Amino acid sequence: MEGLEAAIRRLPSHHEAIPALRAKHAAVQAGFGGEQELDKVFESYAFSMKHGIFHDLSLMSSTHFQIDSLFITPSYAVLFEVKNIAGELTVRKNPPQLIRTLETGQVSGFKSPIAQLENNCSLFQDWLHSRNLSLPVYGAVVMAYASQRIEVFDSKIPVLFPSTVPLYIRKLPTTSPLLDDETFVTLLSQLNSGHRQFIPAPICETYSIRRSDIRTGVICPGCNVLGMSWHKRKWECLKCGFRCSKAHIQAIRDWFLLFGGKMTNRDCREFLHLERQQNANRLLRDMNLHTEGANRNRTYKMWLSASKQKRT
């Protein structure tokens, strides 16, 4: 979402990629908002059994897979796939697909949430087996808001709203714990350490945007106008007069979100509109970026996941 925002603010408003960027941003924002609705339920409900709850959990089995929410106990695990999609929704079995129809009559196709969930349940079973663990794994699709309407083929996968999730969990078959306390604590630790932060491809690569289309310069935090100038160790906005010593930080982050890879001193000067190598060196050095090489061959890399943590 942050990368999409960087592209939207740095491309001309008439650019051909803007509609796709805005549509994707709206979808990502809606998806994140939907997941937060389920988060609120877990935060407010006190479950009596021993359990662990993970959100946005990305694990590696035979392939990478991502779980919106995982509820796990010593007796079973439940994977939740959260959806927040506007319109009349129909889930088909063959081919597995979700069809969305808007009031305007526009029809769009999406991946089937049931197929996604079934695949994730299988992958999570494999993940457990690779650690010599075995638990029943259940799955449910959660529609973020009760106002959403969905028609589903005859499936064993339940479709719930967030408020009904605690009742669904309480009605699951209960057996004697399959994992002792020590093993369960170890499993929770392995789930936490096994998470791999998802870092998407650079936006310009994903959307085939030419570098030359991106508007360069430092954006004023005061008035959002592009084109601050560096003067006496501060950035100054020529429009509103706002002065700041750290306005370049977001600009450099934008560069990595948009282009990826490694930044050179020249890249920095061209993007920030700086003339002197010494100024670029100082600004880059103060950001504590990962560096390689020395002198003219030095490059800088930003670990984008560093400032973004998964929801826990």
Protein backbone atom coordinates (compact mmCIF):
# COMPACT_ATOMS: atom_id res chain seq x y z
CA MET A 1 0.00 0.00 0.00
CA GLU A 2 2.86 2.36 0.80
CA GLY A 3 4.47 1.70 -2.58
CA LEU A 4 1.20 2.33 -4.42
CA GLU A 5 0.82 5.64 -2.58
CA ALA A 6 4.35 6.64 -3.58
CA ALA A 7 3.59 5.94 -7.25
CA ILE A 8 0.27 7.78 -7.18
CA ARG A 9 1.78 10.94 -5.72
CA ARG A 10 4.82 10.88 -8.02
CA LEU A 11 3.12 10.17 -11.35
CA PRO A 12 1.31 12.82 -13.37
CA SER A 13 -2.44 12.63 -12.67
CA HIS A 14 -3.13 11.71 -16.32
CA HIS A 15 -0.63 8.82 -16.40
CA GLU A 16 -2.03 5.61 -17.88
CA ALA A 17 -1.10 3.55 -14.80
CA ILE A 18 -3.03 5.74 -12.33
CA PRO A 19 -6.42 3.93 -12.66
CA ALA A 20 -4.83 0.53 -11.99
CA LEU A 21 -2.78 1.90 -9.09
CA ARG A 22 -5.83 3.52 -7.49
CA ALA A 23 -7.93 0.36 -7.95
CA LYS A 24 -5.22 -1.82 -6.37
CA HIS A 25 -4.75 0.65 -3.52
CA ALA A 26 -8.49 0.61 -2.78
CA ALA A 27 -8.51 -3.20 -2.83
CA VAL A 28 -5.50 -3.49 -0.50
CA GLN A 29 -6.93 -0.88 1.85
CA ALA A 30 -10.30 -2.67 1.92
CA GLY A 31 -8.62 -6.01 2.58
CA PHE A 32 -6.59 -4.61 5.44
CA GLY A 33 -9.69 -2.93 6.89
CA GLY A 34 -11.55 -6.23 6.70
CA GLU A 35 -8.80 -8.08 8.55
CA GLN A 36 -8.89 -5.43 11.28
CA GLU A 37 -12.58 -6.20 11.86
CA LEU A 38 -11.67 -9.77 12.78
CA ASP A 39 -8.73 -8.51 14.85
CA LYS A 40 -11.18 -6.50 16.99
CA VAL A 41 -13.19 -9.62 17.77
CA PHE A 42 -10.12 -11.54 18.89
CA GLU A 43 -8.98 -8.59 20.99
CA SER A 44 -12.32 -8.25 22.79
CA TYR A 45 -13.16 -11.93 23.34
CA ALA A 46 -11.64 -13.96 26.18
CA PHE A 47 -11.18 -17.60 25.13
CA SER A 48 -10.99 -20.08 27.98
CA MET A 49 -8.66 -22.59 26.31
CA LYS A 50 -4.93 -22.21 25.83
CA HIS A 51 -4.40 -20.64 22.45
CA GLY A 52 -2.27 -18.50 20.19
CA ILE A 53 -3.47 -15.98 17.60
CA PHE A 54 -1.42 -14.86 14.61
CA HIS A 55 -2.36 -12.33 11.93
CA ASP A 56 -0.77 -11.88 8.48
CA LEU A 57 1.33 -14.98 9.06
CA SER A 58 3.57 -15.88 6.11
CA LEU A 59 5.14 -19.35 6.25
CA MET A 60 7.16 -21.61 3.98
CA SER A 61 6.06 -25.18 3.21
CA SER A 62 6.46 -26.55 -0.31
CA THR A 63 5.83 -22.91 -1.25
CA HIS A 64 5.21 -19.63 0.55
CA PHE A 65 1.67 -19.14 1.85
CA GLN A 66 0.00 -16.39 3.83
CA ILE A 67 -2.67 -16.83 6.52
CA ASP A 68 -4.94 -13.86 7.29
CA SER A 69 -5.59 -15.10 10.85
CA LEU A 70 -4.57 -18.30 12.62
CA PHE A 71 -6.20 -19.49 15.87
CA ILE A 72 -4.29 -22.42 17.32
CA THR A 73 -4.70 -24.55 20.46
CA PRO A 74 -3.08 -27.76 21.71
CA SER A 75 -6.08 -29.62 20.18
CA TYR A 76 -6.60 -28.00 16.75
CA ALA A 77 -5.85 -25.08 14.44
CA VAL A 78 -8.24 -22.80 12.56
CA LEU A 79 -7.27 -20.75 9.51
CA PHE A 80 -9.41 -17.73 8.63
CA GLU A 81 -9.52 -16.16 5.16
CA VAL A 82 -10.95 -12.64 5.43
CA LYS A 83 -12.70 -10.92 2.51
CA ASN A 84 -13.98 -7.37 2.15
CA ILE A 85 -15.30 -7.02 -1.39
CA ALA A 86 -18.21 -4.78 -2.37
CA GLY A 87 -21.07 -5.97 -4.57
CA GLU A 88 -23.09 -9.16 -5.02
CA LEU A 89 -20.69 -12.09 -4.57
CA THR A 90 -21.00 -15.60 -5.94
CA VAL A 91 -18.47 -18.36 -5.31
CA ARG A 92 -18.34 -21.00 -8.02
CA LYS A 93 -16.88 -24.47 -7.70
CA ASN A 94 -15.88 -25.27 -11.27
CA PRO A 95 -13.82 -23.38 -12.15
CA PRO A 96 -13.06 -22.16 -8.61
CA GLN A 97 -13.81 -18.46 -8.78
CA LEU A 98 -15.47 -15.58 -6.97
CA ILE A 99 -17.70 -13.46 -9.20
CA ARG A 100 -18.48 -9.89 -8.12
CA THR A 101 -21.38 -7.95 -9.65
CA LEU A 102 -21.68 -4.23 -8.89
CA GLU A 103 -24.88 -2.16 -9.00
CA THR A 104 -23.64 -0.72 -12.28
CA GLY A 105 -23.75 -4.19 -13.78
CA GLN A 106 -19.96 -4.49 -13.98
CA VAL A 107 -18.85 -8.09 -13.45
CA SER A 108 -15.36 -9.01 -12.17
CA GLY A 109 -13.67 -12.30 -11.32
CA PHE A 110 -11.42 -13.05 -8.34
CA LYS A 111 -9.69 -16.08 -6.88
CA SER A 112 -12.07 -18.34 -4.96
CA PRO A 113 -11.62 -17.71 -1.20
CA ILE A 114 -12.66 -21.31 -0.56
CA ALA A 115 -10.01 -22.68 -2.93
CA GLN A 116 -7.43 -20.35 -1.36
CA LEU A 117 -8.35 -21.52 2.12
CA GLU A 118 -8.34 -25.22 1.25
CA ASN A 119 -4.88 -24.83 -0.26
CA ASN A 120 -3.61 -22.96 2.80
CA CYS A 121 -5.02 -25.64 5.13
CA SER A 122 -3.14 -28.32 3.19
CA LEU A 123 0.07 -26.31 3.24
CA PHE A 124 -0.27 -25.68 6.96
CA GLN A 125 -0.81 -29.40 7.55
CA ASP A 126 2.43 -30.04 5.64
CA TRP A 127 4.18 -27.36 7.70
CA LEU A 128 3.11 -29.14 10.90
CA HIS A 129 4.08 -32.59 9.60
CA SER A 130 7.55 -31.36 8.69
CA ARG A 131 7.97 -30.67 12.43
CA ASN A 132 6.56 -34.07 13.43
CA LEU A 133 3.35 -32.48 14.68
CA SER A 134 -0.22 -33.41 13.87
CA LEU A 135 -3.34 -31.38 14.60
CA PRO A 136 -6.81 -31.21 13.04
CA VAL A 137 -6.84 -28.12 10.79
CA TYR A 138 -10.11 -26.31 10.19
CA GLY A 139 -10.82 -23.34 7.95
CA ALA A 140 -13.46 -20.63 7.59
CA VAL A 141 -14.02 -17.72 5.23
CA VAL A 142 -14.88 -14.49 7.07
CA MET A 143 -16.82 -11.71 5.36
CA ALA A 144 -15.71 -8.51 7.07
CA TYR A 145 -19.12 -6.86 7.29
CA ALA A 146 -22.63 -8.25 7.77
CA SER A 147 -23.84 -5.97 4.95
CA GLN A 148 -21.91 -8.08 2.43
CA ARG A 149 -23.98 -10.60 0.48
CA ILE A 150 -22.49 -13.81 -0.85
CA GLU A 151 -23.82 -16.98 -2.46
CA VAL A 152 -21.69 -20.09 -2.06
CA PHE A 153 -21.90 -23.54 -3.63
CA ASP A 154 -22.37 -26.54 -1.36
CA SER A 155 -19.08 -26.48 0.52
CA LYS A 156 -17.84 -27.84 3.84
CA ILE A 157 -16.02 -24.55 4.38
CA PRO A 158 -18.23 -22.24 6.50
CA VAL A 159 -18.69 -18.57 5.65
CA LEU A 160 -18.89 -16.39 8.76
CA PHE A 161 -19.07 -12.79 9.90
CA PRO A 162 -16.52 -11.60 12.51
CA SER A 163 -19.06 -11.54 15.36
CA THR A 164 -19.85 -15.24 14.86
CA VAL A 165 -16.23 -16.43 14.91
CA PRO A 166 -16.02 -17.01 18.71
CA LEU A 167 -19.17 -19.17 18.61
CA TYR A 168 -17.78 -21.14 15.67
CA ILE A 169 -14.56 -21.81 17.61
CA ARG A 170 -16.46 -22.86 20.73
CA LYS A 171 -18.50 -25.40 18.72
CA LEU A 172 -15.48 -27.14 17.23
CA PRO A 173 -14.97 -30.75 18.39
CA THR A 174 -13.01 -30.78 21.62
CA THR A 175 -10.68 -33.63 22.49
CA SER A 176 -7.91 -34.17 24.95
CA PRO A 177 -4.96 -31.92 24.10
CA LEU A 178 -2.80 -33.50 21.42
CA LEU A 179 0.20 -31.36 22.39
CA ASP A 180 1.60 -31.02 25.90
CA ASP A 181 2.35 -27.57 27.31
CA GLU A 182 6.04 -27.63 26.41
CA THR A 183 5.39 -28.74 22.83
CA PHE A 184 2.65 -26.14 22.40
CA VAL A 185 4.89 -23.32 23.62
CA THR A 186 7.59 -24.51 21.22
CA LEU A 187 5.07 -24.56 18.37
CA LEU A 188 4.03 -20.96 19.08
CA SER A 189 7.70 -19.96 19.04
CA GLN A 190 8.26 -21.79 15.74
CA LEU A 191 5.27 -20.05 14.17
CA ASN A 192 6.62 -16.68 15.26
CA SER A 193 10.17 -17.34 14.08
CA GLY A 194 8.96 -18.99 10.87
CA HIS A 195 7.16 -15.85 9.72
CA ARG A 196 8.73 -14.24 6.68
CA GLN A 197 7.92 -10.60 5.98
CA PHE A 198 6.28 -10.20 2.59
CA ILE A 199 8.18 -7.68 0.46
CA PRO A 200 6.44 -7.03 -2.86
CA ALA A 201 8.30 -6.33 -6.08
CA PRO A 202 9.10 -2.65 -6.78
CA ILE A 203 6.03 -0.82 -8.02
CA CYS A 204 7.58 0.32 -11.31
CA GLU A 205 8.50 -3.28 -12.10
CA THR A 206 5.05 -4.62 -11.22
CA TYR A 207 3.16 -2.02 -13.26
CA SER A 208 5.72 -1.56 -16.07
CA ILE A 209 6.18 2.14 -15.27
CA ARG A 210 9.15 3.87 -16.89
CA ARG A 211 11.57 5.51 -14.48
CA SER A 212 11.43 8.66 -16.55
CA ASP A 213 7.69 8.93 -15.80
CA ILE A 214 8.30 9.29 -12.06
CA ARG A 215 8.41 12.89 -10.84
CA THR A 216 11.60 13.43 -8.84
CA GLY A 217 12.30 15.82 -5.99
CA VAL A 218 11.41 16.20 -2.32
CA ILE A 219 7.75 16.64 -1.37
CA CYS A 220 6.96 19.34 1.18
CA PRO A 221 5.41 17.85 4.38
CA GLY A 222 3.61 21.16 4.87
CA CYS A 223 1.75 21.65 1.59
CA ASN A 224 2.52 18.41 -0.33
CA VAL A 225 4.05 20.33 -3.25
CA LEU A 226 6.98 18.71 -5.02
CA GLY A 227 10.24 20.63 -5.29
CA MET A 228 11.85 21.53 -1.97
CA SER A 229 15.39 22.89 -2.19
CA TRP A 230 18.36 22.08 0.09
CA HIS A 231 19.74 25.20 1.74
CA LYS A 232 21.92 25.52 4.85
CA ARG A 233 21.32 21.89 5.89
CA LYS A 234 17.54 22.22 5.66
CA TRP A 235 14.90 21.61 3.02
CA GLU A 236 12.89 24.70 2.13
CA CYS A 237 9.60 24.81 0.26
CA LEU A 238 9.55 27.57 -2.32
CA LYS A 239 5.75 27.71 -2.19
CA CYS A 240 4.81 27.78 1.50
CA GLY A 241 8.20 28.48 3.12
CA PHE A 242 8.12 25.35 5.29
CA ARG A 243 11.61 24.31 6.45
CA CYS A 244 12.64 20.83 7.59
CA SER A 245 15.86 18.84 7.93
CA LYS A 246 14.32 15.39 7.34
CA ALA A 247 11.97 15.80 4.36
CA HIS A 248 14.33 13.71 2.21
CA ILE A 249 13.68 10.55 4.25
CA GLN A 250 10.29 9.89 2.65
CA ALA A 251 11.68 10.73 -0.80
CA ILE A 252 14.47 8.16 -0.44
CA ARG A 253 11.98 5.60 0.86
CA ASP A 254 9.82 6.34 -2.20
CA TRP A 255 12.82 5.61 -4.42
CA PHE A 256 13.28 2.14 -2.94
CA LEU A 257 9.55 1.39 -3.03
CA LEU A 258 9.33 2.42 -6.67
CA PHE A 259 12.61 1.14 -8.10
CA GLY A 260 14.09 -1.33 -5.61
CA GLY A 261 17.69 -2.46 -5.75
CA LYS A 262 20.67 -0.39 -4.62
CA MET A 263 21.00 3.38 -4.61
CA THR A 264 24.18 5.17 -5.56
CA ASN A 265 25.22 8.68 -4.62
CA ARG A 266 24.32 9.75 -8.15
CA ASP A 267 20.86 8.17 -7.88
CA CYS A 268 20.31 10.12 -4.68
CA ARG A 269 21.45 13.43 -6.14
CA GLU A 270 19.31 13.03 -9.24
CA PHE A 271 16.20 12.06 -7.27
CA LEU A 272 16.53 14.72 -4.56
CA HIS A 273 17.86 17.42 -6.93
CA LEU A 274 21.13 17.83 -5.05
CA GLU A 275 24.29 19.20 -6.66
CA ARG A 276 27.02 18.20 -4.20
CA GLN A 277 28.15 14.62 -3.56
CA GLN A 278 29.01 15.54 0.02
CA ASN A 279 25.41 16.52 0.78
CA ALA A 280 24.06 13.27 -0.64
CA ASN A 281 26.67 11.26 1.28
CA ARG A 282 25.72 12.95 4.54
CA LEU A 283 21.99 12.43 4.08
CA LEU A 284 22.38 8.78 3.11
CA ARG A 285 24.83 8.06 5.91
CA ASP A 286 22.51 9.56 8.54
CA MET A 287 19.69 7.19 7.49
CA ASN A 288 21.61 4.09 8.64
CA LEU A 289 21.07 2.24 5.38
CA HIS A 290 22.83 -1.02 4.55
CA THR A 291 25.98 -0.16 2.59
CA GLU A 292 28.26 -2.06 0.24
CA GLY A 293 31.55 -0.97 -1.29
CA ALA A 294 33.51 2.17 -0.56
CA ASN A 295 34.03 5.66 -1.91
CA ARG A 296 32.68 6.00 -5.47
CA ASN A 297 31.58 2.36 -5.54
CA ARG A 298 29.48 2.59 -2.39
CA THR A 299 25.82 1.60 -2.73
CA TYR A 300 22.93 1.82 -0.27
CA LYS A 301 20.02 -0.55 0.36
CA MET A 302 16.93 -0.07 2.49
CA TRP A 303 15.31 -2.99 4.31
CA LEU A 304 11.72 -1.90 3.71
CA SER A 305 10.30 -4.34 6.25
CA ALA A 306 12.23 -2.66 9.05
CA SER A 307 9.60 0.00 9.72
CA LYS A 308 6.61 -2.27 9.10
CA GLN A 309 5.69 -5.00 11.55
CA LYS A 310 3.08 -7.71 11.10
CA ARG A 311 -0.02 -7.39 13.21
CA THR A 312 0.17 -9.63 16.30
